[in-house]
Amino acid sequence: MSAMQTFLTVIVLLALVAMGVLFIVRVNAQQAGRPNPHRYAHLWESFRQRLHSHPHGAHAGPHAAGPPPSRDTGHDR
């Protein structure tokens, strides 16, 4: 490889790095005016979607079997 090819390769690589840096700076500048989202905002959205996934009145209501059996055996302690 000649000295001229090495020089051109270095120039091209530096130009690519500079373009990447400019791209990152531009993307970060777009985020500057926006408020930071809450840390767990994505979880809240998922929770809300799960709550609203059933149409109104679609749940069965109380269980037909009634309440679970009592642990009280009738003995006094």
N, C-alpha and C. Protein backbone atom coordinates (compact mmCIF):
# COMPACT_ATOMS: atom_id res chain seq x y z
N MET A 1 0.85 -1.16 0.00
CA MET A 1 0.00 0.00 0.00
C MET A 1 0.91 1.24 0.00
N SER A 2 0.63 2.15 -0.85
CA SER A 2 1.48 3.33 -0.96
C SER A 2 1.10 4.35 0.11
N ALA A 3 1.92 5.33 0.27
CA ALA A 3 1.70 6.38 1.27
C ALA A 3 0.45 7.18 0.93
N MET A 4 0.17 7.38 -0.34
CA MET A 4 -1.01 8.14 -0.74
C MET A 4 -2.30 7.37 -0.39
N GLN A 5 -2.30 6.06 -0.59
CA GLN A 5 -3.47 5.26 -0.24
C GLN A 5 -3.70 5.25 1.27
N THR A 6 -2.64 5.16 2.03
CA THR A 6 -2.75 5.20 3.49
C THR A 6 -3.30 6.54 3.94
N PHE A 7 -2.80 7.62 3.37
CA PHE A 7 -3.26 8.97 3.70
C PHE A 7 -4.75 9.12 3.38
N LEU A 8 -5.18 8.66 2.21
CA LEU A 8 -6.59 8.76 1.83
C LEU A 8 -7.47 7.90 2.73
N THR A 9 -7.00 6.74 3.12
CA THR A 9 -7.76 5.87 4.03
C THR A 9 -7.95 6.55 5.38
N VAL A 10 -6.90 7.19 5.89
CA VAL A 10 -6.99 7.89 7.18
C VAL A 10 -7.97 9.05 7.06
N ILE A 11 -7.92 9.80 5.96
CA ILE A 11 -8.82 10.93 5.76
C ILE A 11 -10.28 10.45 5.70
N VAL A 12 -10.53 9.36 4.98
CA VAL A 12 -11.89 8.83 4.88
C VAL A 12 -12.39 8.36 6.24
N LEU A 13 -11.55 7.68 7.00
CA LEU A 13 -11.96 7.22 8.33
C LEU A 13 -12.24 8.40 9.27
N LEU A 14 -11.43 9.42 9.22
CA LEU A 14 -11.67 10.61 10.05
C LEU A 14 -12.97 11.30 9.64
N ALA A 15 -13.24 11.34 8.35
CA ALA A 15 -14.49 11.95 7.89
C ALA A 15 -15.70 11.16 8.38
N LEU A 16 -15.61 9.84 8.37
CA LEU A 16 -16.71 9.01 8.87
C LEU A 16 -16.92 9.21 10.37
N VAL A 17 -15.85 9.30 11.12
CA VAL A 17 -15.96 9.55 12.57
C VAL A 17 -16.59 10.92 12.81
N ALA A 18 -16.17 11.92 12.06
CA ALA A 18 -16.73 13.27 12.21
C ALA A 18 -18.22 13.28 11.88
N MET A 19 -18.63 12.56 10.85
CA MET A 19 -20.05 12.50 10.50
C MET A 19 -20.84 11.80 11.60
N GLY A 20 -20.28 10.77 12.20
CA GLY A 20 -20.95 10.09 13.31
C GLY A 20 -21.12 10.99 14.51
N VAL A 21 -20.08 11.77 14.81
CA VAL A 21 -20.16 12.70 15.94
C VAL A 21 -21.22 13.75 15.67
N LEU A 22 -21.26 14.29 14.47
CA LEU A 22 -22.28 15.29 14.13
C LEU A 22 -23.68 14.71 14.21
N PHE A 23 -23.84 13.48 13.79
CA PHE A 23 -25.15 12.82 13.88
C PHE A 23 -25.59 12.68 15.34
N ILE A 24 -24.68 12.24 16.20
CA ILE A 24 -25.01 12.07 17.62
C ILE A 24 -25.36 13.41 18.26
N VAL A 25 -24.59 14.45 17.93
CA VAL A 25 -24.88 15.78 18.47
C VAL A 25 -26.26 16.26 18.02
N ARG A 26 -26.60 16.01 16.77
CA ARG A 26 -27.90 16.44 16.26
C ARG A 26 -29.04 15.69 16.94
N VAL A 27 -28.90 14.40 17.14
CA VAL A 27 -29.94 13.62 17.81
C VAL A 27 -30.10 14.06 19.25
N ASN A 28 -28.99 14.31 19.94
CA ASN A 28 -29.07 14.78 21.32
C ASN A 28 -29.71 16.16 21.41
N ALA A 29 -29.49 17.00 20.43
CA ALA A 29 -30.09 18.34 20.43
C ALA A 29 -31.61 18.25 20.29
N GLN A 30 -32.10 17.25 19.60
CA GLN A 30 -33.54 17.09 19.46
C GLN A 30 -34.18 16.72 20.79
N GLN A 31 -33.45 16.06 21.67
CA GLN A 31 -33.98 15.65 22.96
C GLN A 31 -33.85 16.73 24.02
N ALA A 32 -33.15 17.83 23.72
CA ALA A 32 -32.83 18.83 24.74
C ALA A 32 -34.07 19.51 25.30
N GLY A 33 -35.08 19.80 24.48
CA GLY A 33 -36.26 20.52 24.96
C GLY A 33 -37.32 19.63 25.57
N ARG A 34 -37.18 18.35 25.49
CA ARG A 34 -38.20 17.44 25.99
C ARG A 34 -37.95 17.09 27.45
N PRO A 35 -39.01 16.97 28.23
CA PRO A 35 -38.81 16.52 29.61
C PRO A 35 -38.42 15.05 29.62
N ASN A 36 -37.65 14.69 30.60
CA ASN A 36 -37.26 13.28 30.72
C ASN A 36 -38.47 12.45 31.13
N PRO A 37 -38.70 11.35 30.46
CA PRO A 37 -39.82 10.49 30.87
C PRO A 37 -39.51 9.84 32.21
N HIS A 38 -40.56 9.48 32.91
CA HIS A 38 -40.37 8.81 34.19
C HIS A 38 -39.67 7.47 33.96
N ARG A 39 -38.93 7.06 34.94
CA ARG A 39 -38.11 5.86 34.83
C ARG A 39 -38.93 4.62 34.50
N TYR A 40 -40.14 4.52 35.08
CA TYR A 40 -40.96 3.33 34.89
C TYR A 40 -42.21 3.63 34.07
N ALA A 41 -42.16 4.65 33.22
CA ALA A 41 -43.34 5.03 32.44
C ALA A 41 -43.78 3.90 31.52
N HIS A 42 -42.85 3.16 30.96
CA HIS A 42 -43.22 2.07 30.06
C HIS A 42 -43.99 0.98 30.79
N LEU A 43 -43.70 0.78 32.07
CA LEU A 43 -44.43 -0.22 32.84
C LEU A 43 -45.86 0.24 33.10
N TRP A 44 -46.04 1.54 33.37
CA TRP A 44 -47.37 2.08 33.62
C TRP A 44 -48.24 1.94 32.38
N GLU A 45 -47.68 2.21 31.19
CA GLU A 45 -48.44 2.06 29.97
C GLU A 45 -48.86 0.60 29.78
N SER A 46 -47.97 -0.32 30.04
CA SER A 46 -48.29 -1.74 29.92
C SER A 46 -49.40 -2.12 30.89
N PHE A 47 -49.33 -1.61 32.10
CA PHE A 47 -50.35 -1.90 33.11
C PHE A 47 -51.70 -1.35 32.67
N ARG A 48 -51.72 -0.12 32.16
CA ARG A 48 -52.97 0.48 31.69
C ARG A 48 -53.56 -0.30 30.53
N GLN A 49 -52.73 -0.77 29.63
CA GLN A 49 -53.24 -1.55 28.51
C GLN A 49 -53.86 -2.86 28.98
N ARG A 50 -53.25 -3.47 29.97
CA ARG A 50 -53.81 -4.72 30.49
C ARG A 50 -55.14 -4.46 31.20
N LEU A 51 -55.26 -3.33 31.89
CA LEU A 51 -56.51 -3.02 32.57
C LEU A 51 -57.63 -2.77 31.57
N HIS A 52 -57.32 -2.13 30.46
CA HIS A 52 -58.34 -1.75 29.50
C HIS A 52 -58.48 -2.75 28.37
N SER A 53 -57.89 -3.92 28.51
CA SER A 53 -57.98 -4.89 27.43
C SER A 53 -59.33 -5.59 27.40
N HIS A 54 -60.08 -5.59 28.52
CA HIS A 54 -61.39 -6.23 28.56
C HIS A 54 -62.47 -5.19 28.26
N PRO A 55 -63.45 -5.53 27.46
CA PRO A 55 -64.56 -4.60 27.25
C PRO A 55 -65.35 -4.42 28.54
N HIS A 56 -66.06 -3.32 28.64
CA HIS A 56 -66.84 -3.04 29.85
C HIS A 56 -67.90 -4.11 30.05
N GLY A 57 -68.00 -4.60 31.27
CA GLY A 57 -69.00 -5.61 31.60
C GLY A 57 -68.62 -7.01 31.18
N ALA A 58 -67.39 -7.24 30.75
CA ALA A 58 -67.01 -8.56 30.27
C ALA A 58 -66.58 -9.50 31.39
N HIS A 59 -66.26 -8.95 32.56
CA HIS A 59 -65.80 -9.85 33.62
C HIS A 59 -67.00 -10.56 34.24
N ALA A 60 -66.73 -11.71 34.81
CA ALA A 60 -67.80 -12.57 35.31
C ALA A 60 -68.34 -12.12 36.66
N GLY A 61 -67.64 -11.25 37.37
CA GLY A 61 -68.10 -10.82 38.68
C GLY A 61 -67.60 -11.78 39.76
N PRO A 62 -68.38 -11.92 40.85
CA PRO A 62 -67.93 -12.82 41.92
C PRO A 62 -67.96 -14.27 41.46
N HIS A 63 -67.12 -15.07 42.09
CA HIS A 63 -67.04 -16.48 41.74
C HIS A 63 -68.33 -17.20 42.12
N ALA A 64 -68.73 -18.14 41.30
CA ALA A 64 -69.97 -18.87 41.54
C ALA A 64 -69.83 -19.82 42.73
N ALA A 65 -68.64 -20.24 43.05
CA ALA A 65 -68.43 -21.20 44.13
C ALA A 65 -68.55 -20.56 45.51
N GLY A 66 -68.54 -19.24 45.58
CA GLY A 66 -68.65 -18.57 46.87
C GLY A 66 -67.28 -18.34 47.48
N PRO A 67 -67.26 -17.91 48.74
CA PRO A 67 -65.98 -17.61 49.38
C PRO A 67 -65.22 -18.89 49.71
N PRO A 68 -63.92 -18.78 49.91
CA PRO A 68 -63.15 -19.97 50.27
C PRO A 68 -63.55 -20.47 51.65
N PRO A 69 -63.33 -21.74 51.94
CA PRO A 69 -63.72 -22.28 53.24
C PRO A 69 -62.92 -21.62 54.37
N SER A 70 -63.55 -21.51 55.49
CA SER A 70 -62.95 -20.88 56.66
C SER A 70 -61.93 -21.82 57.29
N ARG A 71 -60.90 -21.24 57.90
CA ARG A 71 -59.92 -22.07 58.61
C ARG A 71 -60.36 -22.31 60.06
N ASP A 72 -61.44 -21.68 60.44
CA ASP A 72 -61.94 -21.85 61.81
C ASP A 72 -62.52 -23.25 61.97
N THR A 73 -61.99 -24.01 62.90
CA THR A 73 -62.47 -25.38 63.13
C THR A 73 -63.51 -25.46 64.22
N GLY A 74 -63.78 -24.33 64.87
CA GLY A 74 -64.80 -24.35 65.93
C GLY A 74 -64.20 -24.60 67.31
N HIS A 75 -62.92 -24.84 67.43
CA HIS A 75 -62.28 -25.07 68.73
C HIS A 75 -61.81 -23.75 69.30
N ASP A 76 -62.02 -23.60 70.63
CA ASP A 76 -61.50 -22.41 71.30
C ASP A 76 -60.06 -22.66 71.69
N ARG A 77 -59.31 -21.62 71.69
CA ARG A 77 -57.88 -21.76 72.05
C ARG A 77 -57.66 -21.44 73.48
